N, C-alpha and C. Protein backbone atom coordinates (compact mmCIF):
# COMPACT_ATOMS: atom_id res chain seq x y z
N MET A 1 92.15 156.38 143.09
CA MET A 1 93.34 156.94 143.58
C MET A 1 93.54 158.37 143.10
N GLU A 2 94.22 159.17 143.87
CA GLU A 2 94.56 160.50 143.47
C GLU A 2 95.92 160.92 143.86
N PHE A 3 96.54 161.79 143.12
CA PHE A 3 97.77 162.42 143.50
C PHE A 3 97.50 163.87 143.82
N ARG A 4 98.16 164.36 144.95
CA ARG A 4 98.07 165.79 145.25
C ARG A 4 99.33 166.22 145.92
N TRP A 5 99.70 167.46 145.63
CA TRP A 5 100.92 167.99 146.13
C TRP A 5 100.73 168.44 147.56
N LEU A 6 101.66 167.98 148.45
CA LEU A 6 101.68 168.45 149.82
C LEU A 6 102.60 169.62 149.92
N LYS A 7 103.60 169.65 149.02
CA LYS A 7 104.62 170.73 148.97
C LYS A 7 105.12 170.82 147.59
N GLN A 8 105.18 172.06 147.05
CA GLN A 8 105.62 172.17 145.68
C GLN A 8 106.28 173.57 145.54
N ASN A 9 107.68 173.51 145.62
CA ASN A 9 108.42 174.75 145.53
C ASN A 9 109.50 174.69 144.46
N GLN A 10 109.27 173.94 143.43
CA GLN A 10 110.29 173.75 142.32
C GLN A 10 111.68 173.35 142.90
N ALA A 11 111.67 172.34 143.72
CA ALA A 11 112.87 171.81 144.27
C ALA A 11 113.55 170.90 143.19
N ALA A 12 114.80 170.49 143.55
CA ALA A 12 115.53 169.63 142.58
C ALA A 12 115.00 168.19 142.58
N GLU A 13 114.38 167.82 143.72
CA GLU A 13 113.91 166.42 143.83
C GLU A 13 112.44 166.41 144.26
N ALA A 14 111.72 165.48 143.66
CA ALA A 14 110.37 165.21 144.14
C ALA A 14 110.28 163.83 144.72
N ILE A 15 109.57 163.76 145.85
CA ILE A 15 109.29 162.47 146.51
C ILE A 15 107.85 162.15 146.30
N VAL A 16 107.50 161.03 145.70
CA VAL A 16 106.11 160.56 145.50
C VAL A 16 105.88 159.55 146.65
N VAL A 17 104.81 159.85 147.51
CA VAL A 17 104.47 159.05 148.61
C VAL A 17 103.16 158.27 148.33
N PHE A 18 103.25 156.99 148.31
CA PHE A 18 102.02 156.15 148.31
C PHE A 18 101.71 155.83 149.79
N GLY A 19 100.60 156.49 150.29
CA GLY A 19 100.33 156.40 151.70
C GLY A 19 99.53 155.17 152.03
N GLY A 20 99.17 155.08 153.27
CA GLY A 20 98.46 153.87 153.75
C GLY A 20 96.95 154.04 153.64
N TRP A 21 96.27 152.96 154.09
CA TRP A 21 94.82 152.90 154.05
C TRP A 21 94.19 153.68 155.14
N ALA A 22 93.34 154.63 154.87
CA ALA A 22 92.51 155.35 155.80
C ALA A 22 93.32 156.18 156.79
N VAL A 23 94.55 156.56 156.40
CA VAL A 23 95.38 157.46 157.18
C VAL A 23 95.89 158.53 156.25
N GLY A 24 95.64 159.77 156.56
CA GLY A 24 95.98 160.85 155.65
C GLY A 24 97.47 161.25 155.68
N PRO A 25 97.80 162.38 155.05
CA PRO A 25 99.20 162.79 154.95
C PRO A 25 99.77 163.34 156.23
N GLU A 26 98.92 163.53 157.26
CA GLU A 26 99.33 164.22 158.46
C GLU A 26 100.54 163.55 159.12
N VAL A 27 100.68 162.24 158.87
CA VAL A 27 101.81 161.53 159.52
C VAL A 27 103.13 162.03 158.97
N PHE A 28 103.12 162.66 157.88
CA PHE A 28 104.38 163.06 157.19
C PHE A 28 104.64 164.61 157.36
N TRP A 29 103.68 165.33 157.95
CA TRP A 29 103.84 166.81 157.94
C TRP A 29 105.12 167.27 158.62
N HIS A 30 105.59 166.57 159.68
CA HIS A 30 106.72 167.03 160.42
C HIS A 30 108.08 166.80 159.67
N LEU A 31 108.09 165.91 158.66
CA LEU A 31 109.34 165.58 158.02
C LEU A 31 109.85 166.78 157.29
N ASP A 32 111.12 167.10 157.39
CA ASP A 32 111.77 168.29 156.88
C ASP A 32 112.65 167.91 155.59
N GLY A 33 112.88 168.88 154.76
CA GLY A 33 113.70 168.64 153.61
C GLY A 33 113.29 169.58 152.51
N GLU A 34 114.18 169.79 151.51
CA GLU A 34 113.99 170.65 150.43
C GLU A 34 113.06 170.05 149.40
N GLN A 35 112.82 168.75 149.46
CA GLN A 35 112.11 168.02 148.32
C GLN A 35 110.62 168.47 148.25
N ASP A 36 110.15 168.48 147.04
CA ASP A 36 108.71 168.64 146.79
C ASP A 36 108.02 167.28 147.08
N ILE A 37 106.84 167.30 147.65
CA ILE A 37 106.23 166.02 148.08
C ILE A 37 104.85 165.88 147.35
N LEU A 38 104.68 164.76 146.71
CA LEU A 38 103.47 164.44 145.97
C LEU A 38 102.87 163.19 146.64
N PHE A 39 101.58 163.32 147.11
CA PHE A 39 100.98 162.28 147.96
C PHE A 39 99.91 161.56 147.16
N ALA A 40 100.00 160.23 147.21
CA ALA A 40 98.97 159.30 146.58
C ALA A 40 98.17 158.60 147.66
N ASN A 41 96.88 158.49 147.51
CA ASN A 41 96.05 157.62 148.34
C ASN A 41 94.73 157.36 147.67
N GLY A 42 93.99 156.46 148.32
CA GLY A 42 92.65 156.07 147.76
C GLY A 42 92.85 154.96 146.75
N TYR A 43 92.91 153.65 147.18
CA TYR A 43 93.33 152.55 146.27
C TYR A 43 92.20 151.74 145.84
N ALA A 44 90.95 152.28 145.87
CA ALA A 44 89.84 151.50 145.23
C ALA A 44 90.07 151.28 143.72
N ASP A 45 90.73 152.28 143.08
CA ASP A 45 91.20 152.05 141.70
C ASP A 45 92.63 152.61 141.63
N LEU A 46 93.36 152.23 140.54
CA LEU A 46 94.77 152.71 140.42
C LEU A 46 94.87 153.40 139.04
N ASP A 47 93.87 154.21 138.65
CA ASP A 47 93.78 154.79 137.34
C ASP A 47 94.52 156.15 137.23
N ALA A 48 94.93 156.70 138.33
CA ALA A 48 95.52 158.07 138.26
C ALA A 48 96.91 158.05 137.62
N GLU A 49 97.21 159.13 136.95
CA GLU A 49 98.57 159.28 136.39
C GLU A 49 99.36 160.38 137.09
N LEU A 50 100.66 160.20 137.14
CA LEU A 50 101.53 161.19 137.70
C LEU A 50 101.41 162.54 136.94
N PRO A 51 101.50 163.67 137.58
CA PRO A 51 101.70 164.92 136.84
C PRO A 51 103.05 164.93 136.17
N ASP A 52 103.32 165.83 135.37
CA ASP A 52 104.62 165.97 134.75
C ASP A 52 105.71 166.31 135.67
N LEU A 53 106.58 165.30 135.82
CA LEU A 53 107.74 165.48 136.78
C LEU A 53 109.05 165.61 136.06
N SER A 54 108.97 165.91 134.74
CA SER A 54 110.26 165.92 134.01
C SER A 54 111.19 167.01 134.36
N GLY A 55 110.75 168.01 135.08
CA GLY A 55 111.66 169.09 135.48
C GLY A 55 112.55 168.74 136.68
N TYR A 56 112.32 167.63 137.28
CA TYR A 56 113.12 167.30 138.51
C TYR A 56 114.39 166.52 138.12
N GLU A 57 115.44 166.80 138.90
CA GLU A 57 116.70 166.14 138.68
C GLU A 57 116.62 164.69 139.26
N ARG A 58 115.79 164.49 140.32
CA ARG A 58 115.67 163.13 140.88
C ARG A 58 114.21 163.01 141.37
N ILE A 59 113.71 161.80 141.22
CA ILE A 59 112.37 161.46 141.65
C ILE A 59 112.47 160.18 142.51
N SER A 60 112.02 160.26 143.70
CA SER A 60 112.10 159.09 144.65
C SER A 60 110.70 158.64 145.04
N LEU A 61 110.62 157.43 145.46
CA LEU A 61 109.37 156.84 145.87
C LEU A 61 109.39 156.42 147.38
N LEU A 62 108.39 156.81 148.14
CA LEU A 62 108.24 156.22 149.48
C LEU A 62 106.82 155.59 149.53
N ALA A 63 106.81 154.27 149.77
CA ALA A 63 105.53 153.58 149.86
C ALA A 63 105.38 152.98 151.25
N TRP A 64 104.22 153.15 151.85
CA TRP A 64 103.91 152.73 153.20
C TRP A 64 102.73 151.88 153.23
N SER A 65 102.79 150.76 153.99
CA SER A 65 101.65 149.91 154.25
C SER A 65 100.99 149.41 152.96
N PHE A 66 99.68 149.53 152.80
CA PHE A 66 99.05 149.08 151.53
C PHE A 66 99.54 149.85 150.37
N GLY A 67 100.24 150.97 150.59
CA GLY A 67 100.79 151.72 149.50
C GLY A 67 101.91 151.00 148.75
N VAL A 68 102.51 150.03 149.44
CA VAL A 68 103.65 149.24 148.80
C VAL A 68 103.04 148.46 147.61
N ALA A 69 102.03 147.57 147.96
CA ALA A 69 101.43 146.80 146.89
C ALA A 69 100.69 147.66 145.84
N ALA A 70 100.03 148.69 146.34
CA ALA A 70 99.29 149.56 145.36
C ALA A 70 100.26 150.20 144.42
N TYR A 71 101.43 150.66 144.91
CA TYR A 71 102.40 151.20 144.03
C TYR A 71 102.90 150.17 142.95
N ALA A 72 103.25 148.97 143.44
CA ALA A 72 103.69 147.98 142.49
C ALA A 72 102.69 147.60 141.48
N HIS A 73 101.43 147.48 141.80
CA HIS A 73 100.36 147.23 140.85
C HIS A 73 100.29 148.43 139.88
N TRP A 74 100.31 149.71 140.42
CA TRP A 74 100.14 150.83 139.59
C TRP A 74 101.32 150.97 138.64
N GLN A 75 102.51 150.67 139.01
CA GLN A 75 103.69 150.83 138.21
C GLN A 75 103.72 149.93 136.98
N GLN A 76 103.06 148.74 137.11
CA GLN A 76 103.07 147.79 136.00
C GLN A 76 102.45 148.36 134.74
N GLY A 77 103.27 148.26 133.66
CA GLY A 77 102.80 148.78 132.40
C GLY A 77 103.05 150.25 132.17
N ARG A 78 103.60 150.95 133.20
CA ARG A 78 103.93 152.37 133.09
C ARG A 78 105.47 152.53 133.12
N PRO A 79 106.02 153.66 132.47
CA PRO A 79 107.47 153.91 132.64
C PRO A 79 107.73 154.17 134.09
N ASP A 80 108.92 153.68 134.49
CA ASP A 80 109.33 153.82 135.89
C ASP A 80 110.20 155.06 136.03
N PRO A 81 109.70 156.16 136.72
CA PRO A 81 110.45 157.43 136.79
C PRO A 81 111.35 157.56 138.05
N PHE A 82 111.41 156.43 138.84
CA PHE A 82 111.97 156.61 140.14
C PHE A 82 113.49 156.13 140.22
N GLN A 83 114.29 157.03 140.68
CA GLN A 83 115.71 156.63 140.82
C GLN A 83 115.96 155.80 142.13
N ARG A 84 115.12 155.95 143.13
CA ARG A 84 115.24 155.18 144.35
C ARG A 84 113.85 154.94 144.99
N LYS A 85 113.77 153.81 145.66
CA LYS A 85 112.48 153.46 146.25
C LYS A 85 112.66 152.93 147.69
N ALA A 86 111.84 153.37 148.57
CA ALA A 86 111.83 152.89 149.90
C ALA A 86 110.42 152.37 150.28
N ALA A 87 110.35 151.22 150.97
CA ALA A 87 109.05 150.58 151.41
C ALA A 87 109.11 150.57 152.90
N VAL A 88 108.01 150.92 153.49
CA VAL A 88 107.81 151.03 154.93
C VAL A 88 106.68 150.14 155.41
N ASN A 89 106.97 149.08 156.16
CA ASN A 89 105.85 148.30 156.82
C ASN A 89 104.72 147.95 155.90
N GLY A 90 105.13 147.44 154.76
CA GLY A 90 104.16 146.88 153.74
C GLY A 90 104.71 145.74 152.99
N SER A 91 103.91 145.14 152.15
CA SER A 91 104.34 143.93 151.48
C SER A 91 103.74 143.94 150.10
N LEU A 92 104.47 143.28 149.11
CA LEU A 92 103.95 143.06 147.81
C LEU A 92 102.82 142.06 147.78
N GLN A 93 102.69 141.35 148.92
CA GLN A 93 101.61 140.31 149.10
C GLN A 93 100.80 140.87 150.26
N PRO A 94 99.93 141.79 150.04
CA PRO A 94 99.26 142.49 151.13
C PRO A 94 98.34 141.61 152.02
N VAL A 95 97.68 140.65 151.35
CA VAL A 95 96.83 139.69 152.15
C VAL A 95 97.47 138.32 151.95
N SER A 96 98.14 137.85 152.93
CA SER A 96 98.86 136.57 152.81
C SER A 96 99.20 135.98 154.16
N ARG A 97 99.00 134.69 154.31
CA ARG A 97 99.20 134.08 155.65
C ARG A 97 100.66 134.21 156.03
N GLY A 98 101.62 134.11 155.09
CA GLY A 98 102.97 134.06 155.42
C GLY A 98 103.79 135.33 155.12
N ALA A 99 103.20 136.26 154.30
CA ALA A 99 104.04 137.40 153.89
C ALA A 99 103.27 138.73 153.93
N GLY A 100 102.10 138.74 154.53
CA GLY A 100 101.33 139.97 154.60
C GLY A 100 100.42 139.95 155.78
N ILE A 101 99.22 140.56 155.65
CA ILE A 101 98.21 140.48 156.71
C ILE A 101 97.47 139.14 156.55
N PRO A 102 97.38 138.30 157.58
CA PRO A 102 96.73 137.00 157.44
C PRO A 102 95.28 137.20 156.88
N PRO A 103 94.86 136.34 155.92
CA PRO A 103 93.49 136.54 155.34
C PRO A 103 92.42 136.62 156.35
N ALA A 104 92.44 135.77 157.48
CA ALA A 104 91.35 135.82 158.39
C ALA A 104 91.28 137.14 159.13
N VAL A 105 92.46 137.75 159.44
CA VAL A 105 92.47 139.04 160.10
C VAL A 105 91.95 140.11 159.14
N PHE A 106 92.39 140.02 157.86
CA PHE A 106 91.87 140.95 156.89
C PHE A 106 90.38 140.89 156.74
N ARG A 107 89.87 139.66 156.59
CA ARG A 107 88.45 139.47 156.39
C ARG A 107 87.66 140.04 157.59
N ARG A 108 88.17 139.82 158.79
CA ARG A 108 87.51 140.33 159.98
C ARG A 108 87.43 141.87 159.91
N THR A 109 88.50 142.46 159.51
CA THR A 109 88.59 143.93 159.39
C THR A 109 87.50 144.44 158.44
N VAL A 110 87.42 143.75 157.29
CA VAL A 110 86.38 144.15 156.28
C VAL A 110 84.97 144.05 156.87
N GLU A 111 84.70 142.86 157.48
CA GLU A 111 83.37 142.58 157.93
C GLU A 111 82.87 143.39 159.11
N THR A 112 83.81 143.79 159.99
CA THR A 112 83.44 144.48 161.20
C THR A 112 83.71 145.98 161.12
N LEU A 113 84.04 146.46 159.95
CA LEU A 113 84.48 147.90 159.83
C LEU A 113 83.36 148.82 160.31
N SER A 114 83.65 149.68 161.23
CA SER A 114 82.71 150.66 161.83
C SER A 114 83.58 151.84 162.31
N PRO A 115 82.96 152.89 162.68
CA PRO A 115 83.73 153.99 163.31
C PRO A 115 84.42 153.53 164.52
N GLU A 116 83.86 152.63 165.30
CA GLU A 116 84.58 152.20 166.54
C GLU A 116 85.74 151.32 166.19
N SER A 117 85.60 150.33 165.23
CA SER A 117 86.71 149.47 164.90
C SER A 117 87.80 150.27 164.22
N TYR A 118 87.48 151.35 163.52
CA TYR A 118 88.45 152.26 162.84
C TYR A 118 89.30 152.91 163.96
N GLN A 119 88.68 153.32 165.05
CA GLN A 119 89.46 153.95 166.08
C GLN A 119 90.46 152.91 166.73
N GLN A 120 90.05 151.72 166.85
CA GLN A 120 90.88 150.70 167.37
C GLN A 120 92.08 150.44 166.37
N PHE A 121 91.75 150.44 165.13
CA PHE A 121 92.74 150.28 164.07
C PHE A 121 93.81 151.39 164.16
N LEU A 122 93.30 152.62 164.34
CA LEU A 122 94.29 153.77 164.44
C LEU A 122 95.15 153.65 165.65
N GLY A 123 94.63 153.14 166.79
CA GLY A 123 95.40 152.88 167.94
C GLY A 123 96.45 151.90 167.68
N ARG A 124 96.24 150.87 166.95
CA ARG A 124 97.28 149.91 166.57
C ARG A 124 98.28 150.40 165.60
N VAL A 125 97.84 151.29 164.65
CA VAL A 125 98.73 151.89 163.66
C VAL A 125 99.84 152.78 164.41
N PHE A 126 99.34 153.54 165.37
CA PHE A 126 100.23 154.53 166.03
C PHE A 126 100.82 154.02 167.38
N GLY A 127 100.30 152.90 167.82
CA GLY A 127 100.79 152.41 169.12
C GLY A 127 100.27 153.23 170.31
N ALA A 128 99.18 153.97 170.08
CA ALA A 128 98.57 154.76 171.17
C ALA A 128 97.17 155.22 170.71
N PRO A 129 96.23 155.43 171.59
CA PRO A 129 94.95 155.83 171.23
C PRO A 129 95.01 157.20 170.47
N GLN A 130 94.10 157.36 169.52
CA GLN A 130 94.13 158.54 168.67
C GLN A 130 92.82 159.28 168.80
N ASP A 131 92.85 160.59 168.48
CA ASP A 131 91.63 161.41 168.50
C ASP A 131 90.66 160.81 167.51
N ALA A 132 89.31 160.96 167.81
CA ALA A 132 88.32 160.39 166.90
C ALA A 132 88.35 160.94 165.53
N GLU A 133 88.27 160.17 164.46
CA GLU A 133 88.29 160.59 163.14
C GLU A 133 87.01 160.13 162.37
N ALA A 134 86.53 160.92 161.51
CA ALA A 134 85.34 160.57 160.70
C ALA A 134 85.74 159.43 159.78
N LEU A 135 84.81 158.58 159.45
CA LEU A 135 85.04 157.43 158.48
C LEU A 135 83.90 157.25 157.58
N ASP A 136 84.13 157.20 156.25
CA ASP A 136 83.15 156.80 155.27
C ASP A 136 83.28 155.24 155.18
N VAL A 137 82.52 154.55 155.98
CA VAL A 137 82.65 153.10 156.11
C VAL A 137 82.58 152.39 154.76
N GLU A 138 81.53 152.72 153.97
CA GLU A 138 81.37 152.01 152.71
C GLU A 138 82.53 152.24 151.76
N ALA A 139 83.04 153.44 151.65
CA ALA A 139 84.16 153.76 150.76
C ALA A 139 85.40 153.09 151.22
N ARG A 140 85.66 153.09 152.47
CA ARG A 140 86.83 152.42 152.95
C ARG A 140 86.76 150.92 152.90
N ARG A 141 85.59 150.38 153.03
CA ARG A 141 85.34 148.92 152.86
C ARG A 141 85.62 148.55 151.36
N ALA A 142 85.17 149.41 150.53
CA ALA A 142 85.32 149.15 149.07
C ALA A 142 86.80 149.14 148.70
N GLU A 143 87.54 150.05 149.33
CA GLU A 143 88.97 150.09 149.11
C GLU A 143 89.63 148.85 149.57
N LEU A 144 89.28 148.33 150.76
CA LEU A 144 89.82 147.09 151.25
C LEU A 144 89.47 145.92 150.26
N LEU A 145 88.33 145.86 149.85
CA LEU A 145 87.95 144.77 148.96
C LEU A 145 88.69 144.83 147.62
N ALA A 146 89.04 146.05 147.13
CA ALA A 146 89.80 146.26 145.93
C ALA A 146 91.24 145.74 146.16
N VAL A 147 91.78 145.99 147.34
CA VAL A 147 93.16 145.51 147.69
C VAL A 147 93.09 143.97 147.65
N GLU A 148 92.10 143.42 148.34
CA GLU A 148 92.03 141.92 148.31
C GLU A 148 91.90 141.34 146.94
N ARG A 149 91.02 141.98 146.08
CA ARG A 149 90.74 141.47 144.81
C ARG A 149 92.02 141.54 143.90
N ARG A 150 92.75 142.61 143.99
CA ARG A 150 94.00 142.73 143.20
C ARG A 150 95.05 141.75 143.54
N GLY A 151 95.11 141.33 144.80
CA GLY A 151 96.03 140.20 145.22
C GLY A 151 97.48 140.65 145.21
N ASP A 152 98.35 139.64 144.99
CA ASP A 152 99.77 139.90 145.04
C ASP A 152 100.22 140.91 143.94
N ALA A 153 101.12 141.78 144.26
CA ALA A 153 101.67 142.77 143.31
C ALA A 153 102.81 142.07 142.55
N PRO A 154 103.23 142.61 141.44
CA PRO A 154 104.47 142.10 140.78
C PRO A 154 105.69 142.26 141.67
N GLN A 155 106.61 141.31 141.58
CA GLN A 155 107.83 141.44 142.33
C GLN A 155 108.66 142.54 141.83
N MET A 156 109.26 143.32 142.74
CA MET A 156 110.19 144.39 142.45
C MET A 156 111.17 144.63 143.61
N ARG A 157 112.27 145.21 143.32
CA ARG A 157 113.27 145.55 144.34
C ARG A 157 113.09 146.95 144.81
N PHE A 158 113.29 147.17 146.10
CA PHE A 158 113.33 148.50 146.72
C PHE A 158 114.76 148.70 147.24
N ASN A 159 115.24 149.98 147.20
CA ASN A 159 116.61 150.25 147.68
C ASN A 159 116.66 150.15 149.19
N ARG A 160 115.54 150.35 149.88
CA ARG A 160 115.48 150.36 151.32
C ARG A 160 114.13 149.81 151.76
N VAL A 161 114.19 148.87 152.67
CA VAL A 161 112.90 148.37 153.25
C VAL A 161 112.93 148.48 154.76
N TRP A 162 111.91 149.11 155.32
CA TRP A 162 111.84 149.25 156.76
C TRP A 162 110.83 148.31 157.35
N ILE A 163 111.14 147.68 158.44
CA ILE A 163 110.25 146.77 159.18
C ILE A 163 110.24 147.22 160.67
N SER A 164 109.06 147.49 161.18
CA SER A 164 108.96 147.87 162.58
C SER A 164 108.64 146.70 163.45
N SER A 165 109.51 146.54 164.54
CA SER A 165 109.25 145.43 165.39
C SER A 165 107.92 145.47 166.14
N GLY A 166 107.33 146.68 166.31
CA GLY A 166 106.09 146.84 166.98
C GLY A 166 104.88 146.97 166.09
N ASP A 167 104.96 146.52 164.88
CA ASP A 167 103.89 146.64 163.88
C ASP A 167 102.75 145.72 164.28
N LYS A 168 101.57 146.29 164.48
CA LYS A 168 100.43 145.47 164.87
C LYS A 168 99.45 145.32 163.69
N ILE A 169 99.85 145.75 162.53
CA ILE A 169 99.05 145.65 161.29
C ILE A 169 99.60 144.53 160.42
N PHE A 170 100.84 144.67 160.00
CA PHE A 170 101.54 143.67 159.26
C PHE A 170 102.47 142.94 160.23
N PRO A 171 102.30 141.64 160.48
CA PRO A 171 103.15 140.94 161.45
C PRO A 171 104.62 141.03 161.01
N PRO A 172 105.50 141.53 161.84
CA PRO A 172 106.92 141.71 161.47
C PRO A 172 107.61 140.44 160.91
N ALA A 173 107.20 139.25 161.45
CA ALA A 173 107.80 138.03 160.95
C ALA A 173 107.42 137.80 159.49
N ASN A 174 106.14 138.16 159.14
CA ASN A 174 105.69 138.03 157.77
C ASN A 174 106.43 138.98 156.88
N LEU A 175 106.69 140.21 157.33
CA LEU A 175 107.43 141.16 156.49
C LEU A 175 108.85 140.75 156.31
N ALA A 176 109.47 140.17 157.33
CA ALA A 176 110.83 139.65 157.21
C ALA A 176 110.86 138.58 156.10
N ARG A 177 109.86 137.72 156.04
CA ARG A 177 109.81 136.65 154.97
C ARG A 177 109.58 137.32 153.62
N ALA A 178 108.72 138.27 153.64
CA ALA A 178 108.37 138.94 152.33
C ALA A 178 109.53 139.64 151.73
N TRP A 179 110.46 140.20 152.55
CA TRP A 179 111.58 140.99 152.03
C TRP A 179 112.90 140.26 152.16
N ALA A 180 112.95 139.00 152.40
CA ALA A 180 114.22 138.24 152.51
C ALA A 180 115.08 138.47 151.27
N GLY A 181 116.34 138.83 151.54
CA GLY A 181 117.30 139.05 150.44
C GLY A 181 117.34 140.51 149.97
N GLN A 182 116.46 141.38 150.51
CA GLN A 182 116.51 142.83 150.09
C GLN A 182 117.17 143.60 151.30
N ASN A 183 117.37 144.92 151.07
CA ASN A 183 118.06 145.69 151.97
C ASN A 183 117.13 146.24 153.04
N VAL A 184 117.05 145.39 154.10
CA VAL A 184 116.09 145.59 155.20
C VAL A 184 116.71 146.31 156.37
N SER A 185 116.06 147.33 156.86
CA SER A 185 116.36 148.00 158.16
C SER A 185 115.28 147.79 159.15
N HIS A 186 115.65 147.53 160.38
CA HIS A 186 114.67 147.26 161.40
C HIS A 186 114.60 148.48 162.34
N LEU A 187 113.29 148.73 162.82
CA LEU A 187 112.97 149.93 163.66
C LEU A 187 112.18 149.41 164.89
N ASP A 188 112.49 150.00 165.99
CA ASP A 188 111.67 149.82 167.20
C ASP A 188 110.56 150.84 167.15
N ALA A 189 109.46 150.53 166.48
CA ALA A 189 108.42 151.48 166.26
C ALA A 189 107.12 150.75 165.93
N PRO A 190 105.94 151.49 165.96
CA PRO A 190 104.68 150.87 165.49
C PRO A 190 104.61 150.90 163.95
N HIS A 191 103.39 150.54 163.49
CA HIS A 191 103.18 150.48 162.01
C HIS A 191 103.45 151.80 161.38
N ALA A 192 103.07 152.90 161.98
CA ALA A 192 103.39 154.25 161.53
C ALA A 192 104.59 154.78 162.24
N PRO A 193 105.89 154.60 161.70
CA PRO A 193 107.07 154.86 162.41
C PRO A 193 107.65 156.28 162.20
N PHE A 194 106.91 157.13 161.52
CA PHE A 194 107.51 158.34 160.94
C PHE A 194 107.98 159.31 161.99
N ASP A 195 107.42 159.25 163.22
CA ASP A 195 107.87 160.15 164.27
C ASP A 195 109.26 159.81 164.71
N ARG A 196 109.86 158.71 164.25
CA ARG A 196 111.21 158.38 164.54
C ARG A 196 112.20 159.09 163.60
N PHE A 197 111.66 159.81 162.64
CA PHE A 197 112.47 160.45 161.59
C PHE A 197 112.22 161.95 161.70
N ALA A 198 113.23 162.74 161.31
CA ALA A 198 113.09 164.21 161.24
C ALA A 198 113.19 164.71 159.85
N GLN A 199 113.90 163.99 159.00
CA GLN A 199 114.13 164.41 157.58
C GLN A 199 113.62 163.32 156.65
N TRP A 200 113.12 163.75 155.49
CA TRP A 200 112.72 162.79 154.47
C TRP A 200 113.86 161.93 154.06
N GLU A 201 115.08 162.52 154.03
CA GLU A 201 116.21 161.85 153.44
C GLU A 201 116.57 160.64 154.32
N GLU A 202 116.26 160.67 155.56
CA GLU A 202 116.56 159.54 156.50
C GLU A 202 115.85 158.25 156.12
N LEU A 203 114.80 158.36 155.39
CA LEU A 203 113.97 157.23 154.99
C LEU A 203 114.51 156.45 153.84
N PHE A 204 115.52 156.98 153.14
CA PHE A 204 116.07 156.38 151.98
C PHE A 204 117.44 155.81 152.28
């Protein structure tokens, strides 16, 4: 895992984004706001530490897709710096028949991973065909296997949970079960719903 700044202008607030698997920060570029943005991805290991964020008045967390469980595993045993947390189309049980991606579907993704299957995956993520992207098959497969091996993340509450009705990665009914009793908002959108938003603040 690594943290890198997407925007750093000594703002009053920092948003730490735990992104999804095999999708870069480009999905967030259009979001506007004064906040500084720190992006985390690459979940084969969760050894990275946050940079010093003590100068910020507020620190917020946005976790998307596999970033939700990765964040919760990463947070365990570390001080929690976040005043508010939002989860988007992800689960603390990332591989689960009833609350995440069904194990058979996940296993098929691992076993058939190729540049061609990755393009199909991106089409499901965005709800439309995407331009061809390069893929390090073995590195991405290792990341999936690490997600599977870590299993369920510790339970925790989020201030806001988003579930997309058109999610073709995490079944929406599974996410509804996973987040029962939390502050859930529903979106008519695909797995990557960020084009429905203009400002970072709208996600919280």
